[in-house]
């Protein structure tokens, strides 16, 4: 039963990547605004980090039933480790990094990298179906 839910969490994570790709392609200014908010408040910062842990655990638990189990394990453990590490990074530093990244990533750049988000999402879903 746990693996069933883990697989659906990862499929939802793939759908999130596809949605994010659509947002970056069709509303790049909105994507920039969202990026600027990362780490802006304690609630946003810790909710964002905690929510990252859910698909990370889903990747780890569903790895053996995926097409690429080693990739899922490595990616899941990497996400989990970096998420836990982010709990110890000062929120202001996280927010400054997000704002600086938003300044660098112009709307055109979001549109150019949006296909990568589509591919990641499709890959995650493909690996579990």
N, C-alpha and C. Protein backbone atom coordinates (compact mmCIF):
# COMPACT_ATOMS: atom_id res chain seq x y z
N UNK A 1 0.82 -1.19 0.00
CA UNK A 1 0.00 0.00 0.00
C UNK A 1 0.87 1.27 0.00
N UNK A 2 1.97 1.22 0.75
CA UNK A 2 2.87 2.36 0.83
C UNK A 2 3.46 2.68 -0.55
N UNK A 3 3.85 1.63 -1.27
CA UNK A 3 4.44 1.83 -2.59
C UNK A 3 3.39 2.39 -3.55
N UNK A 4 2.15 1.96 -3.41
CA UNK A 4 1.06 2.49 -4.25
C UNK A 4 0.97 4.00 -4.09
N UNK A 5 0.95 4.48 -2.85
CA UNK A 5 0.87 5.92 -2.60
C UNK A 5 2.15 6.64 -3.04
N UNK A 6 3.29 6.00 -2.81
CA UNK A 6 4.56 6.60 -3.23
C UNK A 6 4.59 6.80 -4.74
N UNK A 7 4.11 5.81 -5.48
CA UNK A 7 4.07 5.92 -6.95
C UNK A 7 3.18 7.09 -7.36
N UNK A 8 2.02 7.23 -6.73
CA UNK A 8 1.10 8.32 -7.10
C UNK A 8 1.66 9.68 -6.69
N UNK A 9 2.41 9.73 -5.63
CA UNK A 9 3.06 10.98 -5.24
C UNK A 9 4.07 11.39 -6.31
N UNK A 10 4.84 10.43 -6.81
CA UNK A 10 5.83 10.73 -7.84
C UNK A 10 5.14 11.10 -9.15
N UNK A 11 4.05 10.45 -9.48
CA UNK A 11 3.30 10.82 -10.68
C UNK A 11 2.77 12.25 -10.53
N UNK A 12 2.28 12.59 -9.34
CA UNK A 12 1.86 13.97 -9.07
C UNK A 12 3.01 14.94 -9.17
N UNK A 13 4.20 14.53 -8.74
CA UNK A 13 5.40 15.35 -8.84
C UNK A 13 5.74 15.58 -10.31
N UNK A 14 5.59 14.55 -11.12
CA UNK A 14 5.80 14.70 -12.56
C UNK A 14 4.80 15.68 -13.16
N UNK A 15 3.54 15.57 -12.73
CA UNK A 15 2.51 16.51 -13.22
C UNK A 15 2.84 17.94 -12.78
N UNK A 16 3.40 18.09 -11.57
CA UNK A 16 3.83 19.41 -11.10
C UNK A 16 4.90 19.99 -12.02
N UNK A 17 5.87 19.17 -12.43
CA UNK A 17 6.91 19.64 -13.35
C UNK A 17 6.29 20.08 -14.68
N UNK A 18 5.32 19.34 -15.17
CA UNK A 18 4.67 19.71 -16.42
C UNK A 18 3.91 21.03 -16.25
N UNK A 19 3.20 21.18 -15.14
CA UNK A 19 2.50 22.43 -14.85
C UNK A 19 3.48 23.59 -14.74
N UNK A 20 4.59 23.36 -14.04
CA UNK A 20 5.62 24.41 -13.90
C UNK A 20 6.18 24.79 -15.26
N UNK A 21 6.37 23.80 -16.13
CA UNK A 21 6.84 24.08 -17.48
C UNK A 21 5.85 24.93 -18.26
N UNK A 22 4.56 24.64 -18.08
CA UNK A 22 3.54 25.46 -18.75
C UNK A 22 3.55 26.88 -18.21
N UNK A 23 3.69 27.01 -16.91
CA UNK A 23 3.76 28.33 -16.29
C UNK A 23 4.97 29.11 -16.82
N UNK A 24 6.12 28.45 -16.88
CA UNK A 24 7.33 29.12 -17.37
C UNK A 24 7.19 29.51 -18.84
N UNK A 25 6.50 28.69 -19.63
CA UNK A 25 6.36 28.96 -21.05
C UNK A 25 5.34 30.06 -21.32
N UNK A 26 4.18 29.97 -20.67
CA UNK A 26 3.07 30.87 -21.00
C UNK A 26 2.93 32.07 -20.06
N UNK A 27 3.50 31.98 -18.86
CA UNK A 27 3.42 33.10 -17.90
C UNK A 27 4.77 33.27 -17.19
N UNK A 28 5.82 33.55 -17.96
CA UNK A 28 7.15 33.62 -17.35
C UNK A 28 7.30 34.70 -16.28
N UNK A 29 6.55 35.79 -16.40
CA UNK A 29 6.63 36.84 -15.37
C UNK A 29 6.05 36.33 -14.04
N UNK A 30 5.01 35.54 -14.12
CA UNK A 30 4.43 34.94 -12.92
C UNK A 30 5.43 33.96 -12.28
N UNK A 31 6.13 33.20 -13.11
CA UNK A 31 7.15 32.29 -12.60
C UNK A 31 8.25 33.06 -11.87
N UNK A 32 8.62 34.20 -12.43
CA UNK A 32 9.63 35.06 -11.79
C UNK A 32 9.13 35.55 -10.43
N UNK A 33 7.87 35.97 -10.37
CA UNK A 33 7.30 36.44 -9.10
C UNK A 33 7.29 35.33 -8.05
N UNK A 34 6.96 34.12 -8.48
CA UNK A 34 6.94 32.99 -7.55
C UNK A 34 8.34 32.69 -7.04
N UNK A 35 9.32 32.71 -7.94
CA UNK A 35 10.70 32.47 -7.54
C UNK A 35 11.17 33.51 -6.52
N UNK A 36 10.78 34.76 -6.71
CA UNK A 36 11.17 35.83 -5.78
C UNK A 36 10.63 35.61 -4.38
N UNK A 37 9.51 34.88 -4.26
CA UNK A 37 8.90 34.67 -2.94
C UNK A 37 9.54 33.54 -2.15
N UNK A 38 10.35 32.70 -2.80
CA UNK A 38 10.95 31.56 -2.10
C UNK A 38 11.77 32.05 -0.91
N UNK A 39 11.47 31.50 0.25
CA UNK A 39 12.19 31.87 1.47
C UNK A 39 11.85 33.24 2.01
N UNK A 40 10.82 33.89 1.49
CA UNK A 40 10.52 35.27 1.90
C UNK A 40 9.94 35.37 3.31
N UNK A 41 9.23 34.37 3.74
CA UNK A 41 8.70 34.34 5.11
C UNK A 41 9.04 32.99 5.72
N UNK A 42 8.96 32.91 7.03
CA UNK A 42 9.22 31.63 7.69
C UNK A 42 8.26 30.56 7.19
N UNK A 43 6.98 30.91 7.06
CA UNK A 43 5.99 29.93 6.61
C UNK A 43 6.33 29.42 5.21
N UNK A 44 6.57 30.33 4.27
CA UNK A 44 6.88 29.93 2.89
C UNK A 44 8.15 29.10 2.87
N UNK A 45 9.16 29.53 3.57
CA UNK A 45 10.45 28.84 3.58
C UNK A 45 10.31 27.40 4.06
N UNK A 46 9.74 27.23 5.24
CA UNK A 46 9.68 25.89 5.82
C UNK A 46 8.61 25.02 5.18
N UNK A 47 7.54 25.62 4.67
CA UNK A 47 6.54 24.84 3.92
C UNK A 47 7.15 24.32 2.63
N UNK A 48 7.88 25.18 1.94
CA UNK A 48 8.54 24.79 0.68
C UNK A 48 9.50 23.63 0.92
N UNK A 49 10.31 23.71 1.95
CA UNK A 49 11.28 22.66 2.25
C UNK A 49 10.56 21.37 2.64
N UNK A 50 9.56 21.48 3.49
CA UNK A 50 8.83 20.30 3.94
C UNK A 50 8.11 19.62 2.78
N UNK A 51 7.50 20.41 1.91
CA UNK A 51 6.79 19.83 0.77
C UNK A 51 7.76 19.13 -0.18
N UNK A 52 8.99 19.60 -0.28
CA UNK A 52 10.01 18.92 -1.11
C UNK A 52 10.32 17.52 -0.59
N UNK A 53 10.17 17.32 0.70
CA UNK A 53 10.50 16.03 1.30
C UNK A 53 9.51 14.95 0.86
N UNK A 54 8.27 15.31 0.62
CA UNK A 54 7.25 14.32 0.26
C UNK A 54 7.59 13.60 -1.05
N UNK A 55 7.83 14.32 -2.17
CA UNK A 55 8.20 13.57 -3.37
C UNK A 55 9.57 12.89 -3.27
N UNK A 56 10.47 13.45 -2.44
CA UNK A 56 11.78 12.80 -2.26
C UNK A 56 11.59 11.41 -1.67
N UNK A 57 10.77 11.31 -0.64
CA UNK A 57 10.49 10.01 -0.04
C UNK A 57 9.73 9.13 -1.02
N UNK A 58 8.81 9.72 -1.79
CA UNK A 58 8.09 8.96 -2.82
C UNK A 58 9.04 8.36 -3.85
N UNK A 59 10.04 9.13 -4.26
CA UNK A 59 11.03 8.62 -5.22
C UNK A 59 11.80 7.43 -4.63
N UNK A 60 12.19 7.56 -3.37
CA UNK A 60 12.96 6.49 -2.73
C UNK A 60 12.10 5.23 -2.60
N UNK A 61 10.87 5.39 -2.10
CA UNK A 61 10.01 4.23 -1.86
C UNK A 61 9.55 3.55 -3.15
N UNK A 62 9.37 4.33 -4.21
CA UNK A 62 8.88 3.74 -5.47
C UNK A 62 10.01 3.33 -6.40
N UNK A 63 11.25 3.52 -5.97
CA UNK A 63 12.38 3.27 -6.86
C UNK A 63 12.41 1.83 -7.39
N UNK A 64 12.16 0.85 -6.54
CA UNK A 64 12.26 -0.54 -6.99
C UNK A 64 11.18 -0.93 -8.00
N UNK A 65 10.11 -0.17 -8.05
CA UNK A 65 9.06 -0.48 -9.03
C UNK A 65 9.10 0.47 -10.22
N UNK A 66 10.20 1.23 -10.36
CA UNK A 66 10.33 2.14 -11.49
C UNK A 66 11.19 1.52 -12.58
N UNK A 67 11.22 2.16 -13.73
CA UNK A 67 12.05 1.68 -14.83
C UNK A 67 13.54 1.90 -14.57
N UNK A 68 13.87 2.88 -13.75
CA UNK A 68 15.27 3.21 -13.44
C UNK A 68 15.45 3.32 -11.93
N UNK A 69 15.49 2.18 -11.25
CA UNK A 69 15.53 2.21 -9.78
C UNK A 69 16.72 2.97 -9.19
N UNK A 70 17.89 2.83 -9.76
CA UNK A 70 19.06 3.52 -9.20
C UNK A 70 18.92 5.03 -9.33
N UNK A 71 18.43 5.49 -10.48
CA UNK A 71 18.23 6.92 -10.67
C UNK A 71 17.23 7.46 -9.66
N UNK A 72 16.12 6.75 -9.47
CA UNK A 72 15.10 7.20 -8.52
C UNK A 72 15.67 7.26 -7.10
N UNK A 73 16.47 6.26 -6.72
CA UNK A 73 17.06 6.26 -5.38
C UNK A 73 18.01 7.43 -5.21
N UNK A 74 18.90 7.62 -6.19
CA UNK A 74 19.89 8.71 -6.08
C UNK A 74 19.20 10.06 -6.06
N UNK A 75 18.25 10.27 -6.99
CA UNK A 75 17.53 11.54 -7.06
C UNK A 75 16.73 11.77 -5.78
N UNK A 76 16.06 10.73 -5.28
CA UNK A 76 15.27 10.85 -4.06
C UNK A 76 16.13 11.18 -2.85
N UNK A 77 17.25 10.47 -2.69
CA UNK A 77 18.14 10.73 -1.56
C UNK A 77 18.78 12.10 -1.68
N UNK A 78 19.12 12.51 -2.90
CA UNK A 78 19.68 13.85 -3.10
C UNK A 78 18.66 14.92 -2.69
N UNK A 79 17.42 14.76 -3.15
CA UNK A 79 16.37 15.73 -2.78
C UNK A 79 16.15 15.74 -1.26
N UNK A 80 16.10 14.57 -0.67
CA UNK A 80 15.88 14.48 0.78
C UNK A 80 17.03 15.13 1.54
N UNK A 81 18.25 14.83 1.15
CA UNK A 81 19.41 15.40 1.82
C UNK A 81 19.48 16.90 1.69
N UNK A 82 19.25 17.41 0.48
CA UNK A 82 19.31 18.86 0.29
C UNK A 82 18.15 19.55 1.01
N UNK A 83 17.02 18.90 1.08
CA UNK A 83 15.88 19.48 1.81
C UNK A 83 16.21 19.59 3.30
N UNK A 84 16.74 18.53 3.85
CA UNK A 84 17.10 18.56 5.27
C UNK A 84 18.20 19.58 5.53
N UNK A 85 19.14 19.70 4.62
CA UNK A 85 20.20 20.70 4.74
C UNK A 85 19.63 22.12 4.72
N UNK A 86 18.62 22.35 3.89
CA UNK A 86 18.01 23.68 3.79
C UNK A 86 17.34 24.12 5.08
N UNK A 87 16.97 23.16 5.93
CA UNK A 87 16.40 23.55 7.23
C UNK A 87 17.41 24.35 8.06
N UNK A 88 18.70 24.13 7.80
CA UNK A 88 19.74 24.78 8.59
C UNK A 88 20.33 26.02 7.92
N UNK A 89 19.91 26.30 6.68
CA UNK A 89 20.36 27.51 5.98
C UNK A 89 19.48 28.66 6.46
N UNK A 90 20.06 29.77 6.86
CA UNK A 90 19.23 30.90 7.30
C UNK A 90 18.22 31.30 6.21
N UNK A 91 17.00 31.55 6.64
CA UNK A 91 15.93 31.88 5.72
C UNK A 91 16.30 33.08 4.85
N UNK A 92 16.92 34.08 5.42
CA UNK A 92 17.28 35.28 4.67
C UNK A 92 18.25 34.96 3.53
N UNK A 93 19.18 34.05 3.79
CA UNK A 93 20.13 33.63 2.75
C UNK A 93 19.40 32.92 1.61
N UNK A 94 18.46 32.06 1.96
CA UNK A 94 17.65 31.37 0.96
C UNK A 94 16.86 32.38 0.12
N UNK A 95 16.28 33.34 0.79
CA UNK A 95 15.50 34.36 0.09
C UNK A 95 16.39 35.22 -0.81
N UNK A 96 17.56 35.61 -0.32
CA UNK A 96 18.49 36.41 -1.14
C UNK A 96 18.89 35.64 -2.39
N UNK A 97 19.13 34.35 -2.25
CA UNK A 97 19.49 33.52 -3.40
C UNK A 97 18.34 33.48 -4.41
N UNK A 98 17.12 33.36 -3.92
CA UNK A 98 15.94 33.32 -4.81
C UNK A 98 15.77 34.64 -5.56
N UNK A 99 15.93 35.74 -4.86
CA UNK A 99 15.78 37.05 -5.50
C UNK A 99 16.87 37.27 -6.54
N UNK A 100 18.10 36.90 -6.19
CA UNK A 100 19.21 37.05 -7.13
C UNK A 100 18.99 36.16 -8.36
N UNK A 101 18.50 34.96 -8.14
CA UNK A 101 18.21 34.06 -9.26
C UNK A 101 17.11 34.62 -10.15
N UNK A 102 16.09 35.21 -9.53
CA UNK A 102 15.00 35.81 -10.30
C UNK A 102 15.49 36.99 -11.13
N UNK A 103 16.47 37.72 -10.60
CA UNK A 103 17.06 38.83 -11.37
C UNK A 103 17.82 38.32 -12.59
N UNK A 104 18.49 37.19 -12.44
CA UNK A 104 19.28 36.61 -13.53
C UNK A 104 18.38 35.95 -14.56
N UNK A 105 17.38 35.20 -14.10
CA UNK A 105 16.50 34.45 -15.00
C UNK A 105 15.40 35.36 -15.55
N UNK A 106 15.68 35.97 -16.64
CA UNK A 106 14.69 36.84 -17.32
C UNK A 106 13.55 35.97 -17.85
N UNK A 107 12.39 36.57 -18.11
CA UNK A 107 11.26 35.79 -18.63
C UNK A 107 11.60 34.94 -19.86
N UNK A 108 12.43 35.45 -20.75
CA UNK A 108 12.82 34.67 -21.92
C UNK A 108 13.56 33.40 -21.52
N UNK A 109 14.41 33.49 -20.50
CA UNK A 109 15.15 32.32 -20.04
C UNK A 109 14.21 31.25 -19.48
N UNK A 110 13.18 31.69 -18.76
CA UNK A 110 12.18 30.75 -18.26
C UNK A 110 11.52 30.02 -19.44
N UNK A 111 11.19 30.77 -20.48
CA UNK A 111 10.57 30.15 -21.64
C UNK A 111 11.52 29.17 -22.33
N UNK A 112 12.80 29.50 -22.35
CA UNK A 112 13.77 28.61 -23.00
C UNK A 112 14.00 27.32 -22.21
N UNK A 113 13.92 27.38 -20.88
CA UNK A 113 14.15 26.17 -20.09
C UNK A 113 12.86 25.40 -19.80
N UNK A 114 11.72 25.94 -20.18
CA UNK A 114 10.45 25.25 -19.90
C UNK A 114 10.39 23.85 -20.51
N UNK A 115 10.94 23.61 -21.71
CA UNK A 115 10.89 22.23 -22.23
C UNK A 115 11.60 21.22 -21.32
N UNK A 116 12.62 21.67 -20.61
CA UNK A 116 13.31 20.78 -19.68
C UNK A 116 12.36 20.34 -18.56
N UNK A 117 11.55 21.25 -18.09
CA UNK A 117 10.57 20.91 -17.06
C UNK A 117 9.54 19.92 -17.60
N UNK A 118 9.08 20.11 -18.84
CA UNK A 118 8.16 19.16 -19.47
C UNK A 118 8.80 17.77 -19.54
N UNK A 119 10.07 17.73 -19.95
CA UNK A 119 10.76 16.45 -20.10
C UNK A 119 10.94 15.74 -18.77
N UNK A 120 11.30 16.48 -17.74
CA UNK A 120 11.48 15.87 -16.41
C UNK A 120 10.15 15.29 -15.93
N UNK A 121 9.07 16.07 -16.07
CA UNK A 121 7.76 15.60 -15.65
C UNK A 121 7.32 14.36 -16.42
N UNK A 122 7.48 14.40 -17.73
CA UNK A 122 7.10 13.25 -18.56
C UNK A 122 7.95 12.03 -18.22
N UNK A 123 9.24 12.25 -17.97
CA UNK A 123 10.14 11.15 -17.61
C UNK A 123 9.70 10.49 -16.31
N UNK A 124 9.39 11.28 -15.29
CA UNK A 124 8.96 10.73 -14.00
C UNK A 124 7.69 9.90 -14.16
N UNK A 125 6.75 10.42 -14.91
CA UNK A 125 5.49 9.68 -15.12
C UNK A 125 5.74 8.42 -15.92
N UNK A 126 6.52 8.52 -17.00
CA UNK A 126 6.84 7.37 -17.85
C UNK A 126 7.50 6.25 -17.03
N UNK A 127 8.38 6.62 -16.13
CA UNK A 127 9.11 5.62 -15.35
C UNK A 127 8.21 4.79 -14.44
N UNK A 128 7.04 5.30 -14.14
CA UNK A 128 6.17 4.58 -13.21
C UNK A 128 4.92 4.00 -13.87
N UNK A 129 4.68 4.32 -15.10
CA UNK A 129 3.49 3.76 -15.78
C UNK A 129 3.85 2.59 -16.64
